[in-house]
Amino acid sequence: MCVETTDPVYLFNDMLPRKVVNHGDDYIYQYITGRILTKIYHSHEFSELVYMLEGSCIQRINGEDIVFGQHDLLILRPGDRHCFIEQSDDMACFSLSVRQSEFDRMAEMMDPSFAAEIRSAASPPLFHTMGELPISRYESGELMIGNSVYDWKFLMMCLLKLYADSRCANRSLPQGLELAVLEMQRPENLRLGIDAFTALTNYSRTHLARLIHRHYGMSLKQFINDLRLKQAYRELVLTHRSLDEIAESLGYFSLSHFSHIFKVRFGITPTALRRRDGLWTV
């Protein structure tokens, strides 16, 4: 059972000196096997992503007992209280603790809605991934001493991609629409907008509009603009392309209009975003 004392809050900086971890300034990676996990009911001031490699365990999370099995991914947020009640003998997992400012920045880089969505969810995201991680070295128990901070960024993005895939699967989208949404991530399709989207789905425009409203709560125009702005967000952070070039490639021919709707959507101008987060600033 959990030991419920004063529910300590673990601080990121206090964990950095431990020899069992590898870290950059913003990441702490732990591979865990062959030891008993903590029964102290606690929370963190940071985010922690936990991936189960083998076996299973039962965690108490915010007062609810949850079975955590192989290939499950858990995203614990600041303030989520948890401890481990029991675990199988063959249990192996890894955790990636991330300073909260870095987690929010990287989540927004992946999808600008992720950070707010994860924070506002009634409970921490816990879901089963459809297979193993695409990077085998994270499953081997190798501690990767000396790896750069970019390795941890890459791992976090892989885990967030699993979350994104799970989120899309839970929408119960018709397969044809799901594939069309993926194809609409291509800049050439985003530039053409609704016409390209309609052609990709083989639906009538009226039927497509109904489906988008049902599954996303948006009009077709709002949905396409949202896809365009998310693509612009990624390109501003990850490429050297000029603002003019990015805007025009996505179908915006007025830079002032593009900057205005971008700020309305994300609360920051394109120029300020690039200055703050451009090119994977470490």
Protein backbone atom coordinates (compact mmCIF):
# COMPACT_ATOMS: atom_id res chain seq x y z
CA MET A 1 0.00 0.00 0.00
CA CYS A 2 1.04 3.63 -0.42
CA VAL A 3 2.67 5.42 2.45
CA GLU A 4 0.64 8.62 2.80
CA THR A 5 2.69 11.01 4.88
CA THR A 6 2.75 14.69 4.07
CA ASP A 7 2.68 14.01 0.30
CA PRO A 8 6.14 15.40 -0.47
CA VAL A 9 6.65 17.42 -3.63
CA TYR A 10 9.81 16.38 -5.49
CA LEU A 11 11.77 19.27 -6.99
CA PHE A 12 13.61 18.91 -10.28
CA ASN A 13 16.89 20.45 -9.13
CA ASP A 14 16.99 18.21 -6.05
CA MET A 15 16.99 15.13 -8.28
CA LEU A 16 19.85 16.17 -10.56
CA PRO A 17 22.83 14.95 -8.44
CA ARG A 18 21.61 11.35 -8.20
CA LYS A 19 24.05 8.92 -9.79
CA VAL A 20 21.30 6.66 -11.18
CA VAL A 21 20.24 9.25 -13.72
CA ASN A 22 21.56 10.92 -16.82
CA HIS A 23 20.50 14.44 -17.54
CA GLY A 24 20.95 17.66 -19.38
CA ASP A 25 19.90 20.80 -17.63
CA ASP A 26 16.24 20.03 -18.32
CA TYR A 27 16.04 16.21 -18.52
CA ILE A 28 16.52 13.26 -16.16
CA TYR A 29 16.44 9.77 -17.67
CA GLN A 30 16.12 6.65 -15.49
CA TYR A 31 16.03 3.00 -16.54
CA ILE A 32 14.36 1.00 -13.78
CA THR A 33 14.48 -2.77 -13.31
CA GLY A 34 15.18 -5.16 -10.45
CA ARG A 35 14.19 -2.77 -7.66
CA ILE A 36 11.09 -1.87 -5.73
CA LEU A 37 9.45 1.37 -6.84
CA THR A 38 8.53 3.98 -4.27
CA LYS A 39 5.47 3.50 -2.09
CA ILE A 40 5.64 7.09 -0.87
CA TYR A 41 2.63 9.03 -2.13
CA HIS A 42 4.17 12.10 -3.74
CA SER A 43 3.93 14.66 -6.50
CA HIS A 44 6.40 16.59 -8.66
CA GLU A 45 6.91 20.17 -9.72
CA PHE A 46 7.83 18.87 -13.19
CA SER A 47 6.42 16.51 -15.82
CA GLU A 48 7.41 12.85 -15.93
CA LEU A 49 6.85 10.46 -18.82
CA VAL A 50 6.92 6.78 -17.83
CA TYR A 51 7.03 3.97 -20.41
CA MET A 52 6.55 0.32 -19.35
CA LEU A 53 8.95 -1.98 -21.20
CA GLU A 54 8.17 -5.30 -19.50
CA GLY A 55 5.83 -6.62 -16.83
CA SER A 56 3.24 -4.54 -15.01
CA CYS A 57 2.50 -2.63 -11.84
CA ILE A 58 -0.37 -0.96 -10.02
CA GLN A 59 -0.08 2.74 -9.34
CA ARG A 60 -2.27 4.91 -7.19
CA ILE A 61 -2.74 8.13 -9.15
CA ASN A 62 -4.76 10.95 -7.61
CA GLY A 63 -6.57 8.47 -5.39
CA GLU A 64 -7.38 5.92 -8.10
CA ASP A 65 -5.63 2.54 -8.47
CA ILE A 66 -4.48 2.06 -12.08
CA VAL A 67 -3.00 -1.04 -13.77
CA PHE A 68 0.07 -0.06 -15.80
CA GLY A 69 1.08 -2.74 -18.32
CA GLN A 70 3.63 -3.41 -21.05
CA HIS A 71 3.86 -0.65 -23.69
CA ASP A 72 1.69 1.68 -21.63
CA LEU A 73 2.76 5.32 -21.51
CA LEU A 74 1.91 7.61 -18.59
CA ILE A 75 2.38 11.38 -18.57
CA LEU A 76 2.44 12.72 -15.01
CA ARG A 77 1.89 16.45 -14.63
CA PRO A 78 2.96 18.81 -11.85
CA GLY A 79 0.69 18.19 -8.87
CA ASP A 80 -0.40 14.67 -9.86
CA ARG A 81 -0.02 12.49 -6.74
CA HIS A 82 1.11 8.91 -7.21
CA CYS A 83 2.88 5.90 -5.71
CA PHE A 84 3.35 2.23 -6.59
CA ILE A 85 1.24 -0.36 -4.78
CA GLU A 86 2.64 -3.54 -6.32
CA GLN A 87 4.71 -4.67 -9.28
CA SER A 88 5.57 -7.86 -11.17
CA ASP A 89 8.99 -9.45 -10.72
CA ASP A 90 9.89 -8.83 -14.36
CA MET A 91 8.87 -5.17 -14.37
CA ALA A 92 11.13 -2.86 -16.38
CA CYS A 93 10.39 0.71 -17.35
CA PHE A 94 12.07 4.00 -18.03
CA SER A 95 11.10 7.49 -17.00
CA LEU A 96 11.99 10.83 -18.50
CA SER A 97 11.56 13.71 -16.07
CA VAL A 98 11.41 17.09 -17.78
CA ARG A 99 11.65 20.56 -16.31
CA GLN A 100 8.18 22.06 -16.77
CA SER A 101 9.19 25.05 -18.87
CA GLU A 102 11.00 22.68 -21.25
CA PHE A 103 8.06 20.25 -21.36
CA ASP A 104 5.62 23.03 -22.28
CA ARG A 105 7.99 24.36 -24.94
CA MET A 106 8.57 20.96 -26.55
CA ALA A 107 4.89 19.99 -26.36
CA GLU A 108 3.93 23.23 -28.09
CA MET A 109 6.60 22.56 -30.71
CA MET A 110 5.01 19.17 -31.43
CA ASP A 111 1.49 20.60 -31.46
CA PRO A 112 0.62 24.00 -30.02
CA SER A 113 -2.47 22.58 -28.31
CA PHE A 114 -0.69 19.73 -26.48
CA ALA A 115 0.55 21.54 -23.38
CA ALA A 116 -2.81 23.13 -22.56
CA GLU A 117 -4.68 19.92 -23.37
CA ILE A 118 -2.49 17.80 -21.10
CA ARG A 119 -2.71 20.33 -18.25
CA SER A 120 -6.49 20.62 -18.44
CA ALA A 121 -7.29 16.89 -18.68
CA ALA A 122 -9.24 15.48 -15.75
CA SER A 123 -6.52 12.87 -15.16
CA PRO A 124 -2.95 12.38 -16.41
CA PRO A 125 -2.79 10.80 -19.89
CA LEU A 126 -2.34 7.01 -19.66
CA PHE A 127 -2.73 4.90 -22.78
CA HIS A 128 -1.54 1.74 -24.49
CA THR A 129 0.81 2.22 -27.42
CA MET A 130 0.40 -0.06 -30.41
CA GLY A 131 3.87 -1.61 -30.29
CA GLU A 132 7.33 -0.75 -29.13
CA LEU A 133 9.19 2.51 -29.33
CA PRO A 134 10.83 3.13 -32.71
CA ILE A 135 14.22 3.53 -31.04
CA SER A 136 15.53 0.24 -29.67
CA ARG A 137 18.34 1.72 -27.56
CA TYR A 138 15.81 3.19 -25.11
CA GLU A 139 14.51 -0.33 -24.46
CA SER A 140 17.86 -1.97 -23.78
CA GLY A 141 18.59 -0.51 -20.37
CA GLU A 142 21.60 1.32 -21.79
CA LEU A 143 22.12 4.46 -19.71
CA MET A 144 23.58 6.46 -22.58
CA ILE A 145 26.10 8.33 -20.43
CA GLY A 146 27.39 11.39 -22.20
CA ASN A 147 24.53 11.72 -24.65
CA SER A 148 23.64 15.27 -25.58
CA VAL A 149 20.49 17.09 -24.59
CA TYR A 150 19.26 16.53 -28.14
CA ASP A 151 18.93 12.80 -27.41
CA TRP A 152 16.51 13.61 -24.60
CA LYS A 153 14.63 16.06 -26.81
CA PHE A 154 14.34 13.36 -29.46
CA LEU A 155 13.08 10.79 -26.95
CA MET A 156 10.51 13.22 -25.61
CA MET A 157 9.27 13.99 -29.12
CA CYS A 158 8.93 10.25 -29.81
CA LEU A 159 6.85 9.83 -26.66
CA LEU A 160 4.68 12.83 -27.53
CA LYS A 161 4.20 11.35 -31.01
CA LEU A 162 2.82 8.21 -29.36
CA TYR A 163 0.45 10.46 -27.42
CA ALA A 164 -0.58 12.23 -30.62
CA ASP A 165 -1.24 8.92 -32.37
CA SER A 166 -3.33 7.71 -29.44
CA ARG A 167 -5.30 10.94 -29.37
CA CYS A 168 -6.11 10.65 -33.07
CA ALA A 169 -7.10 7.00 -32.72
CA ASN A 170 -9.52 7.90 -29.96
CA ARG A 171 -11.41 10.27 -32.25
CA SER A 172 -12.90 7.28 -34.13
CA LEU A 173 -12.37 9.06 -37.43
CA PRO A 174 -13.43 7.28 -40.62
CA GLN A 175 -10.26 5.78 -42.07
CA GLY A 176 -10.47 7.79 -45.28
CA LEU A 177 -10.79 11.03 -43.34
CA GLU A 178 -7.94 10.12 -41.00
CA LEU A 179 -5.62 9.49 -43.96
CA ALA A 180 -6.72 12.73 -45.61
CA VAL A 181 -5.97 14.70 -42.44
CA LEU A 182 -2.45 13.22 -42.45
CA GLU A 183 -2.01 14.14 -46.13
CA MET A 184 -3.14 17.67 -45.34
CA GLN A 185 0.03 18.13 -43.26
CA ARG A 186 1.91 18.54 -46.55
CA PRO A 187 2.59 22.22 -47.35
CA GLU A 188 1.44 21.81 -50.96
CA ASN A 189 -1.98 20.63 -49.74
CA LEU A 190 -2.20 23.25 -47.01
CA ARG A 191 -1.55 25.93 -49.61
CA LEU A 192 -4.51 24.73 -51.70
CA GLY A 193 -6.70 24.46 -48.61
CA ILE A 194 -10.29 23.24 -48.68
CA ASP A 195 -10.21 22.19 -52.35
CA ALA A 196 -7.25 19.87 -51.73
CA PHE A 197 -8.85 18.47 -48.58
CA THR A 198 -12.13 17.74 -50.36
CA ALA A 199 -10.32 16.00 -53.21
CA LEU A 200 -8.30 13.85 -50.79
CA THR A 201 -11.40 12.59 -48.97
CA ASN A 202 -13.66 11.95 -51.98
CA TYR A 203 -16.49 13.37 -49.87
CA SER A 204 -18.74 16.16 -50.97
CA ARG A 205 -17.82 19.48 -49.41
CA THR A 206 -21.08 19.50 -47.44
CA HIS A 207 -20.51 16.01 -46.02
CA LEU A 208 -16.88 16.79 -45.22
CA ALA A 209 -17.94 19.93 -43.36
CA ARG A 210 -20.37 17.87 -41.24
CA LEU A 211 -17.67 15.31 -40.38
CA ILE A 212 -15.13 17.97 -39.41
CA HIS A 213 -17.66 19.71 -37.20
CA ARG A 214 -18.64 16.40 -35.56
CA HIS A 215 -15.07 15.26 -34.82
CA TYR A 216 -13.23 18.56 -34.33
CA GLY A 217 -15.92 21.10 -33.48
CA MET A 218 -14.75 23.46 -36.25
CA SER A 219 -15.91 24.68 -39.62
CA LEU A 220 -13.89 23.58 -42.65
CA LYS A 221 -12.27 27.00 -42.90
CA GLN A 222 -11.35 27.01 -39.19
CA PHE A 223 -9.93 23.48 -39.46
CA ILE A 224 -7.73 24.30 -42.46
CA ASN A 225 -6.52 27.52 -40.86
CA ASP A 226 -5.67 25.61 -37.68
CA LEU A 227 -3.62 23.06 -39.65
CA ARG A 228 -1.85 25.88 -41.48
CA LEU A 229 -1.01 27.78 -38.32
CA LYS A 230 0.30 24.65 -36.58
CA GLN A 231 2.54 23.96 -39.58
CA ALA A 232 3.74 27.57 -39.48
CA TYR A 233 4.51 27.18 -35.76
CA ARG A 234 6.68 24.13 -36.45
CA GLU A 235 8.50 25.77 -39.35
CA LEU A 236 9.20 28.93 -37.36
CA VAL A 237 10.85 26.85 -34.65
CA LEU A 238 12.60 24.22 -36.74
CA THR A 239 13.71 25.93 -39.96
CA HIS A 240 15.61 28.99 -41.19
CA ARG A 241 12.87 29.94 -43.66
CA SER A 242 11.78 33.57 -43.56
CA LEU A 243 8.38 34.59 -42.22
CA ASP A 244 7.34 35.75 -45.69
CA GLU A 245 8.30 32.41 -47.24
CA ILE A 246 6.51 30.38 -44.57
CA ALA A 247 3.34 32.45 -44.78
CA GLU A 248 3.20 32.39 -48.58
CA SER A 249 3.90 28.64 -48.77
CA LEU A 250 0.82 28.04 -46.61
CA GLY A 251 -1.48 30.31 -48.59
CA TYR A 252 -1.15 33.57 -46.64
CA PHE A 253 -0.16 36.42 -48.94
CA SER A 254 -0.48 39.22 -46.37
CA LEU A 255 2.22 39.02 -43.72
CA SER A 256 0.33 41.37 -41.42
CA HIS A 257 -2.80 39.19 -41.64
CA PHE A 258 -0.73 36.06 -41.02
CA SER A 259 0.98 37.63 -38.00
CA HIS A 260 -2.36 38.79 -36.60
CA ILE A 261 -4.16 35.44 -36.79
CA PHE A 262 -1.03 33.64 -35.56
CA LYS A 263 -0.96 35.80 -32.44
CA VAL A 264 -4.70 35.32 -31.89
CA ARG A 265 -4.21 31.52 -32.10
CA PHE A 266 -1.04 31.15 -30.02
CA GLY A 267 -0.76 34.33 -27.96
CA ILE A 268 2.62 35.22 -29.44
CA THR A 269 3.75 36.79 -32.71
CA PRO A 270 5.71 34.71 -35.25
CA THR A 271 8.76 36.93 -34.75
CA ALA A 272 8.66 36.58 -30.97
CA LEU A 273 8.21 32.80 -31.21
CA ARG A 274 11.25 32.41 -33.45
CA ARG A 275 13.31 34.63 -31.17
CA ARG A 276 12.29 32.57 -28.13
CA ASP A 277 12.31 29.00 -29.43
CA GLY A 278 13.92 29.00 -32.85
CA LEU A 279 16.13 26.13 -34.02
CA TRP A 280 15.81 23.94 -30.93
CA THR A 281 17.39 26.48 -28.64
CA VAL A 282 19.06 24.63 -25.77
